[in-house]
């Protein structure tokens, strides 16, 4: 089993690309799979985060939460710099309100779930992002209506329901986090706990592959059917991801963070909260049918971006003397 785990970890980037391709093929060749795959997304993501949280030393979260330089960098990047970037980029589609709303909802909300996984794969500070997740969630719940009011108009703000944010926070953060904490507690005191922790920690790569595959399979059909109408959003999403890498690097360096902290800040700036935002835009009234597809399109582009960043970011970020090794 150890040999198989080591083999998957060495080839995880190729395996993630394979999972994306398999999910796309399944969704396009068998459209009926989209509905059951959609139901599987939340459980798969919850399992992924449980496995991720198992590798986080909970004893250090308190220290991470007191790291005001890291929290300040993450908050400044996501809620001061990102809105400016998004506003400028979104002027390209300002005439199409439905598409604009989808793009704004996804790009204005920082990720709180699988960003932790990809940050860890790139050698970033997972524990600090775990500590920052509740703050990021609360902040985006408060500021998203404000930015939508500024960028779209006051008549749209009344249609935003905060309930999906709360539900996603409980389902995707609190429950997996609590389960992982209990598992670590049991692992320190009982043999069965150690076995459970050991087995779960070895499942990171296959669980990530499962999550990527069901996510793509559930949504690829809708995206491909409206690709012409969604096409103007593609350069916006690509430009956003490209811009956030140097911007995140500059902000994290200005905050004086170490290498792992800088990587975590960059990933936080690039990744967006698509899986949490999707239920919100799905609840929009008639006339906004393209908005959920715009969110899904961003997810597909972002997943490919994450696979590239996991391999490329450690090479792009120069290692300063005295910092931890890449």
Protein backbone atom coordinates (compact mmCIF):
# COMPACT_ATOMS: atom_id res chain seq x y z
CA UNK A 1 0.00 0.00 0.00
CA UNK A 2 2.85 2.39 0.81
CA UNK A 3 4.37 1.77 -2.62
CA UNK A 4 1.05 2.60 -4.31
CA UNK A 5 0.65 5.78 -2.26
CA UNK A 6 4.18 6.90 -3.11
CA UNK A 7 3.57 6.17 -6.78
CA UNK A 8 0.38 8.28 -6.81
CA UNK A 9 2.02 11.15 -4.95
CA UNK A 10 4.88 11.29 -7.44
CA UNK A 11 2.42 11.38 -10.35
CA UNK A 12 -0.40 13.36 -8.79
CA UNK A 13 -0.38 16.19 -11.36
CA UNK A 14 -0.82 13.74 -14.25
CA UNK A 15 -3.48 11.87 -12.29
CA UNK A 16 -5.44 15.09 -11.66
CA UNK A 17 -5.36 15.91 -15.36
CA UNK A 18 -6.56 12.39 -16.08
CA UNK A 19 -9.44 12.85 -13.61
CA UNK A 20 -10.44 16.13 -15.29
CA UNK A 21 -10.40 14.46 -18.70
CA UNK A 22 -12.38 11.45 -17.45
CA UNK A 23 -15.02 13.68 -15.87
CA UNK A 24 -15.36 15.74 -19.04
CA UNK A 25 -15.65 12.63 -21.21
CA UNK A 26 -18.26 11.09 -18.93
CA UNK A 27 -20.33 14.26 -18.81
CA UNK A 28 -20.26 14.78 -22.58
CA UNK A 29 -20.72 11.16 -23.68
CA UNK A 30 -23.34 10.28 -21.03
CA UNK A 31 -25.33 13.44 -20.22
CA UNK A 32 -27.55 11.52 -17.82
CA UNK A 33 -24.63 11.23 -15.40
CA UNK A 34 -24.71 14.96 -14.68
CA UNK A 35 -27.49 14.80 -12.07
CA UNK A 36 -26.06 11.99 -9.90
CA UNK A 37 -22.59 13.49 -10.25
CA UNK A 38 -23.98 16.81 -9.04
CA UNK A 39 -25.31 15.17 -5.88
CA UNK A 40 -21.88 13.63 -5.29
CA UNK A 41 -19.95 16.91 -5.44
CA UNK A 42 -20.63 18.10 -1.88
CA UNK A 43 -19.92 14.73 -0.19
CA UNK A 44 -16.76 14.32 -2.25
CA UNK A 45 -15.56 17.80 -1.38
CA UNK A 46 -16.38 17.25 2.30
CA UNK A 47 -14.36 14.02 2.28
CA UNK A 48 -11.50 15.79 0.53
CA UNK A 49 -11.40 18.49 3.17
CA UNK A 50 -11.61 15.94 5.99
CA UNK A 51 -8.53 14.20 4.59
CA UNK A 52 -6.85 17.58 4.14
CA UNK A 53 -7.58 18.72 7.69
CA UNK A 54 -6.16 15.46 9.04
CA UNK A 55 -2.74 16.62 7.90
CA UNK A 56 -3.03 19.98 9.65
CA UNK A 57 -1.47 20.25 13.12
CA UNK A 58 -4.41 21.66 15.07
CA UNK A 59 -2.13 22.67 17.92
CA UNK A 60 -0.61 25.29 15.63
CA UNK A 61 -3.87 26.85 14.45
CA UNK A 62 -3.95 29.20 17.41
CA UNK A 63 -0.50 30.43 16.46
CA UNK A 64 -1.59 30.82 12.84
CA UNK A 65 -4.66 32.82 13.87
CA UNK A 66 -2.40 35.25 15.70
CA UNK A 67 -0.31 35.76 12.58
CA UNK A 68 -1.70 39.19 11.75
CA UNK A 69 0.75 39.75 8.90
CA UNK A 70 -0.58 36.71 7.06
CA UNK A 71 -4.23 37.49 7.79
CA UNK A 72 -3.70 41.11 6.80
CA UNK A 73 -2.09 40.09 3.50
CA UNK A 74 -4.90 37.63 2.67
CA UNK A 75 -7.65 40.11 3.56
CA UNK A 76 -6.02 43.02 1.73
CA UNK A 77 -5.44 40.94 -1.39
CA UNK A 78 -8.95 39.47 -1.52
CA UNK A 79 -11.06 42.42 -0.43
CA UNK A 80 -9.10 45.48 -1.55
CA UNK A 81 -7.03 44.48 -4.57
CA UNK A 82 -9.23 41.75 -6.08
CA UNK A 83 -12.34 44.00 -6.36
CA UNK A 84 -10.33 46.59 -8.31
CA UNK A 85 -8.98 43.92 -10.67
CA UNK A 86 -12.42 42.35 -11.11
CA UNK A 87 -14.10 45.70 -11.77
CA UNK A 88 -11.61 46.59 -14.49
CA UNK A 89 -11.74 43.16 -16.14
CA UNK A 90 -15.53 42.90 -15.97
CA UNK A 91 -16.11 46.09 -17.99
CA UNK A 92 -15.66 43.82 -21.03
CA UNK A 93 -19.07 42.24 -20.31
CA UNK A 94 -20.80 45.08 -18.44
CA UNK A 95 -23.53 45.20 -21.11
CA UNK A 96 -24.63 41.60 -20.30
CA UNK A 97 -26.03 41.76 -16.77
CA UNK A 98 -26.70 38.02 -16.38
CA UNK A 99 -23.17 37.06 -17.41
CA UNK A 100 -21.75 39.96 -15.40
CA UNK A 101 -23.49 38.78 -12.22
CA UNK A 102 -22.10 35.26 -12.62
CA UNK A 103 -18.57 36.54 -13.18
CA UNK A 104 -18.73 38.99 -10.27
CA UNK A 105 -20.20 36.48 -7.81
CA UNK A 106 -17.44 33.97 -8.40
CA UNK A 107 -14.45 36.31 -8.74
CA UNK A 108 -15.29 38.47 -5.71
CA UNK A 109 -15.40 35.53 -3.28
CA UNK A 110 -12.13 33.87 -2.14
CA UNK A 111 -12.03 30.09 -1.90
CA UNK A 112 -12.22 28.44 1.53
CA UNK A 113 -12.18 24.76 0.61
CA UNK A 114 -9.98 23.08 -2.00
CA UNK A 115 -7.53 25.98 -1.98
CA UNK A 116 -6.24 24.38 1.23
CA UNK A 117 -5.53 21.16 -0.64
CA UNK A 118 -3.68 22.77 -3.54
CA UNK A 119 -1.75 25.07 -1.21
CA UNK A 120 -0.47 22.05 0.66
CA UNK A 121 0.52 20.33 -2.56
CA UNK A 122 2.61 23.38 -3.48
CA UNK A 123 4.30 23.52 -0.08
CA UNK A 124 2.19 26.41 1.21
CA UNK A 125 1.00 27.15 4.73
CA UNK A 126 -2.13 25.02 5.03
CA UNK A 127 -2.56 25.66 8.74
CA UNK A 128 -2.70 29.42 8.21
CA UNK A 129 -5.36 29.08 5.52
CA UNK A 130 -7.39 26.80 7.80
CA UNK A 131 -7.24 29.49 10.48
CA UNK A 132 -8.16 32.18 7.94
CA UNK A 133 -11.08 30.25 6.39
CA UNK A 134 -13.78 31.37 8.89
CA UNK A 135 -12.64 34.99 8.58
CA UNK A 136 -12.67 34.82 4.77
CA UNK A 137 -16.12 33.25 4.80
CA UNK A 138 -17.59 35.87 7.10
CA UNK A 139 -15.93 38.74 5.23
CA UNK A 140 -17.23 37.66 1.84
CA UNK A 141 -20.75 37.25 3.21
CA UNK A 142 -20.59 40.88 4.35
CA UNK A 143 -18.87 42.52 1.39
CA UNK A 144 -20.31 40.62 -1.60
CA UNK A 145 -23.65 42.49 -1.45
CA UNK A 146 -21.73 45.76 -1.18
CA UNK A 147 -19.59 45.09 -4.23
CA UNK A 148 -22.59 43.83 -6.22
CA UNK A 149 -24.41 47.02 -5.29
CA UNK A 150 -21.46 49.08 -6.53
CA UNK A 151 -20.80 47.09 -9.72
CA UNK A 152 -24.32 46.02 -10.77
CA UNK A 153 -26.88 48.14 -8.92
CA UNK A 154 -29.04 48.21 -5.82
CA UNK A 155 -31.95 46.37 -7.47
CA UNK A 156 -29.88 43.20 -7.69
CA UNK A 157 -28.69 43.08 -4.07
CA UNK A 158 -32.11 42.07 -2.77
CA UNK A 159 -31.86 38.82 -4.75
CA UNK A 160 -28.73 37.58 -2.93
CA UNK A 161 -29.59 35.02 -0.24
CA UNK A 162 -26.93 34.50 2.48
CA UNK A 163 -28.34 31.10 3.51
CA UNK A 164 -26.22 29.08 1.00
CA UNK A 165 -23.08 30.71 2.43
CA UNK A 166 -23.96 29.55 5.94
CA UNK A 167 -24.91 26.06 4.75
CA UNK A 168 -21.66 25.69 2.80
CA UNK A 169 -19.61 26.90 5.75
CA UNK A 170 -21.16 24.30 8.05
CA UNK A 171 -21.03 21.47 5.50
CA UNK A 172 -17.64 22.09 3.95
CA UNK A 173 -15.67 23.60 6.83
CA UNK A 174 -17.09 22.96 10.29
CA UNK A 175 -18.11 19.31 9.85
CA UNK A 176 -14.89 18.10 8.12
CA UNK A 177 -12.78 20.19 10.50
CA UNK A 178 -14.52 18.78 13.57
CA UNK A 179 -14.28 15.21 12.24
CA UNK A 180 -10.56 15.62 11.57
CA UNK A 181 -9.97 17.07 15.04
CA UNK A 182 -11.80 14.13 16.65
CA UNK A 183 -9.79 11.68 14.53
CA UNK A 184 -6.52 13.28 15.64
CA UNK A 185 -7.72 13.14 19.25
CA UNK A 186 -8.56 9.43 18.87
CA UNK A 187 -5.27 8.73 17.07
CA UNK A 188 -3.34 10.00 20.08
CA UNK A 189 -5.19 7.68 22.44
CA UNK A 190 -6.36 4.52 20.64
CA UNK A 191 -5.07 2.06 18.06
CA UNK A 192 -8.24 2.26 15.96
CA UNK A 193 -7.85 6.03 15.81
CA UNK A 194 -4.28 5.70 14.56
CA UNK A 195 -5.38 3.21 11.91
CA UNK A 196 -8.22 5.44 10.74
CA UNK A 197 -5.95 8.47 10.58
CA UNK A 198 -3.28 6.52 8.70
CA UNK A 199 -5.71 5.11 6.11
CA UNK A 200 -7.44 8.45 5.56
CA UNK A 201 -4.17 10.35 5.17
CA UNK A 202 -3.12 7.94 2.41
CA UNK A 203 -6.24 8.68 0.37
CA UNK A 204 -5.53 12.28 -0.59
CA UNK A 205 -4.74 11.68 -4.27
CA UNK A 206 -7.66 9.32 -5.09
CA UNK A 207 -10.13 11.52 -3.17
CA UNK A 208 -8.92 14.59 -5.03
CA UNK A 209 -9.30 12.71 -8.33
CA UNK A 210 -12.84 11.70 -7.38
CA UNK A 211 -13.77 15.29 -6.50
CA UNK A 212 -12.39 16.71 -9.74
CA UNK A 213 -14.07 14.02 -11.86
CA UNK A 214 -17.57 14.36 -10.38
CA UNK A 215 -17.41 18.16 -10.43
CA UNK A 216 -16.53 18.29 -14.12
CA UNK A 217 -18.94 15.49 -15.06
CA UNK A 218 -21.81 17.28 -13.34
CA UNK A 219 -21.39 20.59 -15.17
CA UNK A 220 -19.52 20.11 -18.44
CA UNK A 221 -22.70 19.48 -20.45
CA UNK A 222 -24.31 22.79 -19.54
CA UNK A 223 -21.12 24.71 -20.21
CA UNK A 224 -20.54 23.13 -23.62
CA UNK A 225 -24.12 23.84 -24.66
CA UNK A 226 -23.79 27.59 -24.00
CA UNK A 227 -20.12 28.04 -24.80
CA UNK A 228 -20.80 30.73 -27.38
CA UNK A 229 -22.60 32.95 -24.87
CA UNK A 230 -20.01 32.19 -22.18
CA UNK A 231 -16.97 32.83 -24.39
CA UNK A 232 -16.53 36.51 -23.36
CA UNK A 233 -15.92 35.39 -19.78
CA UNK A 234 -13.00 33.12 -20.70
CA UNK A 235 -10.37 35.85 -21.21
CA UNK A 236 -11.55 37.50 -17.98
CA UNK A 237 -10.97 34.32 -15.97
CA UNK A 238 -7.61 33.66 -17.57
CA UNK A 239 -6.45 37.26 -17.10
CA UNK A 240 -7.58 37.20 -13.47
CA UNK A 241 -5.57 34.07 -12.68
CA UNK A 242 -2.50 35.43 -14.45
CA UNK A 243 -2.67 38.81 -12.69
CA UNK A 244 -3.26 37.44 -9.21
CA UNK A 245 0.01 35.50 -9.14
CA UNK A 246 2.30 38.57 -9.26
CA UNK A 247 -0.12 40.66 -7.20
CA UNK A 248 -0.25 37.99 -4.50
CA UNK A 249 3.51 37.74 -4.57
CA UNK A 250 3.94 41.48 -4.14
CA UNK A 251 1.43 41.69 -1.27
CA UNK A 252 2.91 38.72 0.57
CA UNK A 253 6.45 40.04 0.18
CA UNK A 254 5.35 43.46 1.43
CA UNK A 255 3.91 41.72 4.48
CA UNK A 256 7.28 40.07 5.13
CA UNK A 257 5.96 36.51 4.97
CA UNK A 258 8.08 33.40 4.64
CA UNK A 259 8.03 31.20 1.55
CA UNK A 260 5.15 28.96 2.64
CA UNK A 261 3.11 31.99 3.66
CA UNK A 262 3.71 33.69 0.30
CA UNK A 263 2.57 30.60 -1.56
CA UNK A 264 -0.58 30.42 0.56
CA UNK A 265 -1.39 34.08 -0.14
CA UNK A 266 -0.96 33.60 -3.88
CA UNK A 267 -3.22 30.55 -3.92
CA UNK A 268 -5.82 32.42 -1.85
CA UNK A 269 -5.80 35.23 -4.38
CA UNK A 270 -6.09 33.00 -7.43
CA UNK A 271 -8.71 30.50 -6.23
CA UNK A 272 -12.36 31.50 -5.99
CA UNK A 273 -15.33 30.22 -4.00
CA UNK A 274 -17.23 28.71 -6.93
CA UNK A 275 -18.70 25.72 -5.10
CA UNK A 276 -20.19 27.98 -2.42
CA UNK A 277 -21.38 30.65 -4.86
CA UNK A 278 -23.03 28.17 -7.24
CA UNK A 279 -26.13 27.56 -5.04
CA UNK A 280 -26.59 31.33 -4.77
CA UNK A 281 -26.62 32.00 -8.50
CA UNK A 282 -28.77 28.91 -9.09
CA UNK A 283 -31.43 30.59 -6.95
CA UNK A 284 -31.52 33.74 -9.10
CA UNK A 285 -34.78 34.49 -10.91
CA UNK A 286 -35.62 34.00 -14.58
CA UNK A 287 -33.29 35.81 -16.92
CA UNK A 288 -30.12 34.83 -15.09
CA UNK A 289 -29.84 31.24 -16.36
CA UNK A 290 -26.38 31.84 -17.75
CA UNK A 291 -24.96 33.03 -14.40
CA UNK A 292 -24.55 29.50 -12.89
CA UNK A 293 -22.84 28.33 -16.08
CA UNK A 294 -20.44 31.28 -15.83
CA UNK A 295 -19.54 30.10 -12.33
CA UNK A 296 -18.97 26.53 -13.53
CA UNK A 297 -16.84 27.74 -16.44
CA UNK A 298 -14.61 29.58 -13.96
CA UNK A 299 -14.30 26.38 -11.94
CA UNK A 300 -13.11 24.39 -14.94
CA UNK A 301 -10.54 27.04 -15.89
CA UNK A 302 -9.43 27.37 -12.28
CA UNK A 303 -8.92 23.63 -11.79
CA UNK A 304 -6.58 23.57 -14.77
CA UNK A 305 -4.84 26.65 -13.38
CA UNK A 306 -4.39 24.95 -10.00
CA UNK A 307 -2.78 21.92 -11.58
CA UNK A 308 -0.29 24.22 -13.32
CA UNK A 309 0.36 26.34 -10.21
CA UNK A 310 1.04 23.33 -8.00
CA UNK A 311 3.98 22.49 -10.22
CA UNK A 312 4.94 25.96 -11.41
CA UNK A 313 4.54 28.30 -8.42
CA UNK A 314 7.44 26.85 -6.39
CA UNK A 315 9.65 27.48 -9.40
CA UNK A 316 8.30 30.97 -10.05
CA UNK A 317 8.73 32.24 -6.51
CA UNK A 318 12.37 32.88 -5.79
CA UNK A 319 13.70 31.44 -2.55
CA UNK A 320 15.23 34.00 -0.22
CA UNK A 321 18.22 33.17 1.93
CA UNK A 322 17.14 31.97 5.32
CA UNK A 323 13.71 30.88 4.14
CA UNK A 324 12.46 27.30 4.27
CA UNK A 325 13.48 25.12 1.28
CA UNK A 326 11.19 24.79 -1.69
